[in-house]
């Protein structure tokens, strides 16, 4: 699918994968709506997008944990561009803590952002897409729209010290898997993205919300590389995108051999924290 003049919403667009994807999309000349809580950083990303070829870039302060904010964002797409072609539900964060030490506030906050925020974005996008006419080839699987949730490799395997975060990523995957089947007859496609360690501020934020400092595991994949693959996913939809080659196969092996996976995860704790 050509992305020129397609209307795309990105949540969590002020930094990380959201911002990098916006910049990677800009040369394709889409209509961009960038949503995030940090308006200063969001405006800076929008200015770069305009300079790169996306003059129709709008910003909106949005806390995805607030359903009204999501509805205002999707309403802006309709008001300014008349339709919504792609929703990239990207906003989210993590923290480090053992399951039994996680506080109620920590749990509620991350569920509100990572699970409810993704659900609100997916629901709001679907409700618009169901009402709009197909674009391009009416028989294509994403003729009415494409919904993408940025999950994680942790959706397939719970990570020690990131157990609650892993739970939220698994929830995102479950929502998307079910929704993909539910909306397929209406030509709305649903995908998930599963990064591993990515060179973003994720681990800084996670460390700031935790008593431990996290450094991630292994080599950090450049965020621009992940963003380019997300753009290709938008052009050629498929159920899941795993930016690190063969990572999905390794996690499939872990599911078959859980004792081996437990041993590997236990060894990795010291590598992922300091």
Protein backbone atom coordinates (compact mmCIF):
# COMPACT_ATOMS: atom_id res chain seq x y z
CA UNK A 1 0.00 0.00 0.00
CA UNK A 2 1.26 3.45 -0.89
CA UNK A 3 1.38 5.72 2.14
CA UNK A 4 1.09 9.05 0.34
CA UNK A 5 -1.91 11.00 1.66
CA UNK A 6 -2.79 8.17 4.07
CA UNK A 7 -3.88 9.39 7.49
CA UNK A 8 -1.80 7.84 10.25
CA UNK A 9 -2.07 8.31 14.02
CA UNK A 10 0.93 7.50 16.20
CA UNK A 11 0.56 7.44 19.99
CA UNK A 12 3.65 7.89 22.12
CA UNK A 13 5.14 9.88 19.25
CA UNK A 14 7.34 12.24 21.25
CA UNK A 15 10.28 9.83 21.54
CA UNK A 16 11.54 6.30 20.92
CA UNK A 17 9.88 4.04 18.39
CA UNK A 18 6.94 6.42 17.94
CA UNK A 19 9.09 9.40 17.01
CA UNK A 20 11.43 7.32 14.83
CA UNK A 21 8.47 5.86 12.93
CA UNK A 22 7.04 9.32 12.33
CA UNK A 23 10.37 10.45 10.87
CA UNK A 24 10.62 7.32 8.72
CA UNK A 25 7.11 7.90 7.41
CA UNK A 26 7.56 11.58 6.57
CA UNK A 27 9.29 11.10 3.16
CA UNK A 28 6.26 9.07 2.05
CA UNK A 29 4.11 12.24 2.37
CA UNK A 30 1.33 10.95 4.66
CA UNK A 31 -1.06 12.91 6.84
CA UNK A 32 0.36 12.47 10.32
CA UNK A 33 -1.27 12.98 13.69
CA UNK A 34 1.31 12.69 16.46
CA UNK A 35 -0.02 12.18 19.97
CA UNK A 36 1.83 12.15 23.29
CA UNK A 37 1.87 13.75 26.72
CA UNK A 38 5.11 15.73 26.28
CA UNK A 39 4.11 18.51 23.91
CA UNK A 40 7.53 20.15 23.69
CA UNK A 41 9.21 17.01 22.37
CA UNK A 42 6.16 16.26 20.24
CA UNK A 43 6.35 19.61 18.46
CA UNK A 44 10.06 19.08 17.77
CA UNK A 45 9.30 15.72 16.12
CA UNK A 46 6.48 17.32 14.10
CA UNK A 47 8.80 20.05 12.82
CA UNK A 48 11.27 17.44 11.62
CA UNK A 49 8.48 15.50 9.89
CA UNK A 50 7.37 18.62 8.04
CA UNK A 51 10.92 19.27 6.88
CA UNK A 52 11.23 15.67 5.67
CA UNK A 53 8.16 15.78 3.45
CA UNK A 54 5.04 15.59 5.62
CA UNK A 55 3.66 19.14 5.78
CA UNK A 56 0.29 17.79 6.93
CA UNK A 57 1.60 16.86 10.37
CA UNK A 58 -0.54 17.70 13.39
CA UNK A 59 0.11 17.23 17.09
CA UNK A 60 -2.19 16.69 20.03
CA UNK A 61 -1.45 16.29 23.71
CA UNK A 62 -2.76 12.87 24.61
CA UNK A 63 -2.60 10.60 27.63
CA UNK A 64 -3.64 7.21 26.26
CA UNK A 65 -4.82 6.15 29.71
CA UNK A 66 -7.64 8.67 29.26
CA UNK A 67 -10.19 7.39 26.77
CA UNK A 68 -11.42 10.92 26.08
CA UNK A 69 -7.93 11.90 24.91
CA UNK A 70 -7.88 9.01 22.44
CA UNK A 71 -11.32 9.94 21.13
CA UNK A 72 -10.18 13.54 20.62
CA UNK A 73 -7.20 12.26 18.63
CA UNK A 74 -9.28 10.09 16.29
CA UNK A 75 -11.86 12.88 15.96
CA UNK A 76 -9.05 15.18 14.78
CA UNK A 77 -8.20 12.72 12.01
CA UNK A 78 -11.79 12.81 10.77
CA UNK A 79 -12.07 16.57 11.09
CA UNK A 80 -8.86 17.39 9.24
CA UNK A 81 -8.47 14.51 6.79
CA UNK A 82 -11.84 12.77 6.55
CA UNK A 83 -10.65 9.26 7.43
CA UNK A 84 -8.16 7.18 9.40
CA UNK A 85 -6.04 4.65 7.52
CA UNK A 86 -3.52 3.48 10.14
CA UNK A 87 -3.47 3.55 13.93
CA UNK A 88 -0.07 2.85 15.51
CA UNK A 89 -0.79 2.20 19.20
CA UNK A 90 2.73 2.66 20.47
CA UNK A 91 2.54 4.48 23.83
CA UNK A 92 3.80 2.45 26.76
CA UNK A 93 6.55 1.99 29.34
CA UNK A 94 8.07 -0.54 31.72
CA UNK A 95 9.55 -0.80 35.20
CA UNK A 96 11.64 -3.34 37.12
CA UNK A 97 10.28 -5.04 40.21
CA UNK A 98 9.67 -8.53 41.47
CA UNK A 99 6.05 -9.62 41.19
CA UNK A 100 5.51 -9.94 44.94
CA UNK A 101 7.02 -6.50 45.57
CA UNK A 102 4.98 -4.63 42.92
CA UNK A 103 2.73 -2.01 44.48
CA UNK A 104 -0.91 -1.54 43.63
CA UNK A 105 -0.11 1.90 42.20
CA UNK A 106 2.63 0.53 39.95
CA UNK A 107 0.28 -2.16 38.69
CA UNK A 108 -2.66 0.16 38.09
CA UNK A 109 -0.56 2.79 36.32
CA UNK A 110 1.06 0.42 33.84
CA UNK A 111 -2.22 -1.39 33.14
CA UNK A 112 -3.91 1.96 32.47
CA UNK A 113 -1.24 2.99 29.95
CA UNK A 114 -0.11 -0.24 28.31
CA UNK A 115 -3.33 -2.26 28.27
CA UNK A 116 -6.20 0.20 28.53
CA UNK A 117 -4.38 2.77 26.40
CA UNK A 118 -3.84 0.22 23.64
CA UNK A 119 -7.42 -1.03 23.93
CA UNK A 120 -8.82 2.51 23.70
CA UNK A 121 -6.72 3.26 20.60
CA UNK A 122 -7.69 0.01 18.88
CA UNK A 123 -11.38 0.45 19.68
CA UNK A 124 -11.53 4.07 18.55
CA UNK A 125 -9.70 3.29 15.31
CA UNK A 126 -11.92 0.30 14.54
CA UNK A 127 -15.10 2.28 15.09
CA UNK A 128 -13.99 4.86 12.51
CA UNK A 129 -12.64 2.34 10.02
CA UNK A 130 -15.84 0.30 10.07
CA UNK A 131 -17.77 3.36 8.92
CA UNK A 132 -15.45 4.46 6.12
CA UNK A 133 -15.33 3.30 2.53
CA UNK A 134 -12.48 1.07 1.34
CA UNK A 135 -9.43 2.86 -0.07
CA UNK A 136 -7.40 1.56 -3.00
CA UNK A 137 -8.07 -2.07 -3.85
CA UNK A 138 -11.38 -2.88 -2.10
CA UNK A 139 -10.38 -6.54 -1.86
CA UNK A 140 -7.12 -5.92 0.01
CA UNK A 141 -7.04 -7.10 3.61
CA UNK A 142 -6.47 -3.55 4.90
CA UNK A 143 -8.79 -1.71 2.51
CA UNK A 144 -10.64 -0.01 5.37
CA UNK A 145 -7.66 0.37 7.66
CA UNK A 146 -4.74 -1.09 9.56
CA UNK A 147 -4.38 -1.20 13.35
CA UNK A 148 -0.91 -1.87 14.76
CA UNK A 149 -0.05 -2.43 18.42
CA UNK A 150 3.58 -2.10 19.46
CA UNK A 151 4.05 -4.99 21.86
CA UNK A 152 7.38 -6.66 22.74
CA UNK A 153 9.28 -9.91 22.63
CA UNK A 154 8.18 -10.12 26.27
CA UNK A 155 4.66 -10.87 25.02
CA UNK A 156 5.84 -14.45 24.35
CA UNK A 157 7.94 -14.96 27.46
CA UNK A 158 7.68 -13.37 30.89
CA UNK A 159 10.93 -11.64 31.88
CA UNK A 160 12.15 -11.75 35.49
CA UNK A 161 11.97 -8.29 37.09
CA UNK A 162 9.76 -7.23 34.18
CA UNK A 163 6.91 -9.60 35.00
CA UNK A 164 4.12 -7.04 35.16
CA UNK A 165 5.41 -5.29 32.03
CA UNK A 166 5.52 -8.67 30.26
CA UNK A 167 1.92 -9.26 31.30
CA UNK A 168 0.83 -6.02 29.63
CA UNK A 169 2.67 -6.91 26.42
CA UNK A 170 1.02 -10.35 26.36
CA UNK A 171 -2.34 -8.66 26.83
CA UNK A 172 -1.69 -6.41 23.83
CA UNK A 173 -0.87 -9.45 21.72
CA UNK A 174 -4.02 -11.27 22.82
CA UNK A 175 -6.20 -8.27 21.98
CA UNK A 176 -4.64 -7.95 18.54
CA UNK A 177 -4.86 -11.66 17.73
CA UNK A 178 -8.56 -11.73 18.53
CA UNK A 179 -9.31 -8.43 16.82
CA UNK A 180 -7.52 -9.48 13.63
CA UNK A 181 -9.96 -12.37 13.18
CA UNK A 182 -12.97 -10.32 14.24
CA UNK A 183 -12.33 -7.52 11.74
CA UNK A 184 -10.95 -9.49 8.80
CA UNK A 185 -14.35 -9.74 7.05
CA UNK A 186 -14.59 -5.93 7.12
CA UNK A 187 -11.13 -5.56 5.49
CA UNK A 188 -9.50 -4.09 8.59
CA UNK A 189 -6.14 -5.65 9.40
CA UNK A 190 -4.52 -5.89 12.84
CA UNK A 191 -0.80 -6.43 13.45
CA UNK A 192 1.61 -6.48 16.37
CA UNK A 193 5.26 -5.38 16.58
CA UNK A 194 7.68 -7.22 18.90
CA UNK A 195 10.96 -5.34 19.47
CA UNK A 196 13.62 -6.66 21.81
CA UNK A 197 16.26 -4.32 23.26
CA UNK A 198 16.03 -1.09 21.26
CA UNK A 199 18.20 2.01 21.56
CA UNK A 200 15.56 4.33 23.03
CA UNK A 201 14.95 6.00 26.38
CA UNK A 202 12.90 2.96 27.50
CA UNK A 203 15.50 1.69 29.94
CA UNK A 204 16.15 5.16 31.34
CA UNK A 205 12.44 5.56 32.03
CA UNK A 206 12.21 2.04 33.46
CA UNK A 207 15.18 2.70 35.74
CA UNK A 208 13.68 5.99 36.90
CA UNK A 209 10.51 4.15 37.93
CA UNK A 210 12.44 1.38 39.72
CA UNK A 211 14.90 0.76 42.50
CA UNK A 212 17.16 -1.09 40.05
CA UNK A 213 18.97 0.27 37.03
CA UNK A 214 18.35 -1.57 33.78
CA UNK A 215 20.70 -1.75 30.83
CA UNK A 216 18.71 -4.07 28.58
CA UNK A 217 19.93 -7.41 27.26
CA UNK A 218 22.48 -7.78 24.50
CA UNK A 219 23.09 -5.39 21.63
CA UNK A 220 20.50 -2.62 21.33
CA UNK A 221 18.91 -2.49 17.89
CA UNK A 222 18.94 1.04 16.41
CA UNK A 223 15.52 2.61 16.72
CA UNK A 224 15.64 3.81 13.11
CA UNK A 225 15.98 0.19 11.96
CA UNK A 226 12.85 -0.78 13.89
CA UNK A 227 10.99 2.23 12.47
CA UNK A 228 11.87 1.33 8.87
CA UNK A 229 10.49 -2.16 9.40
CA UNK A 230 7.27 -0.72 10.83
CA UNK A 231 6.89 1.42 7.72
CA UNK A 232 7.28 -1.69 5.59
CA UNK A 233 4.66 -3.40 7.75
CA UNK A 234 2.28 -0.54 6.97
CA UNK A 235 2.98 -1.01 3.27
CA UNK A 236 2.63 -4.81 3.37
CA UNK A 237 0.59 -5.91 6.40
CA UNK A 238 1.27 -9.20 8.15
CA UNK A 239 0.20 -10.55 11.55
CA UNK A 240 3.45 -10.00 13.46
CA UNK A 241 6.66 -8.04 12.95
CA UNK A 242 9.76 -9.22 14.82
CA UNK A 243 12.46 -6.62 14.10
CA UNK A 244 15.27 -8.85 15.38
CA UNK A 245 15.63 -11.75 12.92
CA UNK A 246 14.75 -15.21 14.30
CA UNK A 247 13.78 -13.84 17.73
CA UNK A 248 10.29 -15.31 17.33
CA UNK A 249 11.83 -18.72 16.59
CA UNK A 250 14.01 -18.55 19.69
CA UNK A 251 10.96 -17.75 21.79
CA UNK A 252 9.08 -20.64 20.21
CA UNK A 253 11.93 -22.93 21.30
CA UNK A 254 11.69 -21.43 24.80
CA UNK A 255 8.01 -22.37 24.89
CA UNK A 256 8.86 -25.97 24.00
CA UNK A 257 11.69 -26.14 26.57
CA UNK A 258 10.54 -24.03 29.54
CA UNK A 259 13.22 -25.33 31.93
CA UNK A 260 15.92 -24.21 29.53
CA UNK A 261 14.20 -20.84 29.18
CA UNK A 262 14.03 -20.46 32.97
CA UNK A 263 17.76 -21.18 33.24
CA UNK A 264 18.57 -18.66 30.52
CA UNK A 265 16.35 -15.99 32.07
CA UNK A 266 17.93 -16.53 35.50
CA UNK A 267 21.40 -16.03 34.00
CA UNK A 268 20.30 -12.86 32.25
CA UNK A 269 19.15 -11.00 35.38
CA UNK A 270 22.63 -9.74 36.26
CA UNK A 271 23.24 -8.78 32.64
CA UNK A 272 20.05 -6.71 32.48
CA UNK A 273 20.54 -4.84 35.76
CA UNK A 274 23.30 -3.13 37.61
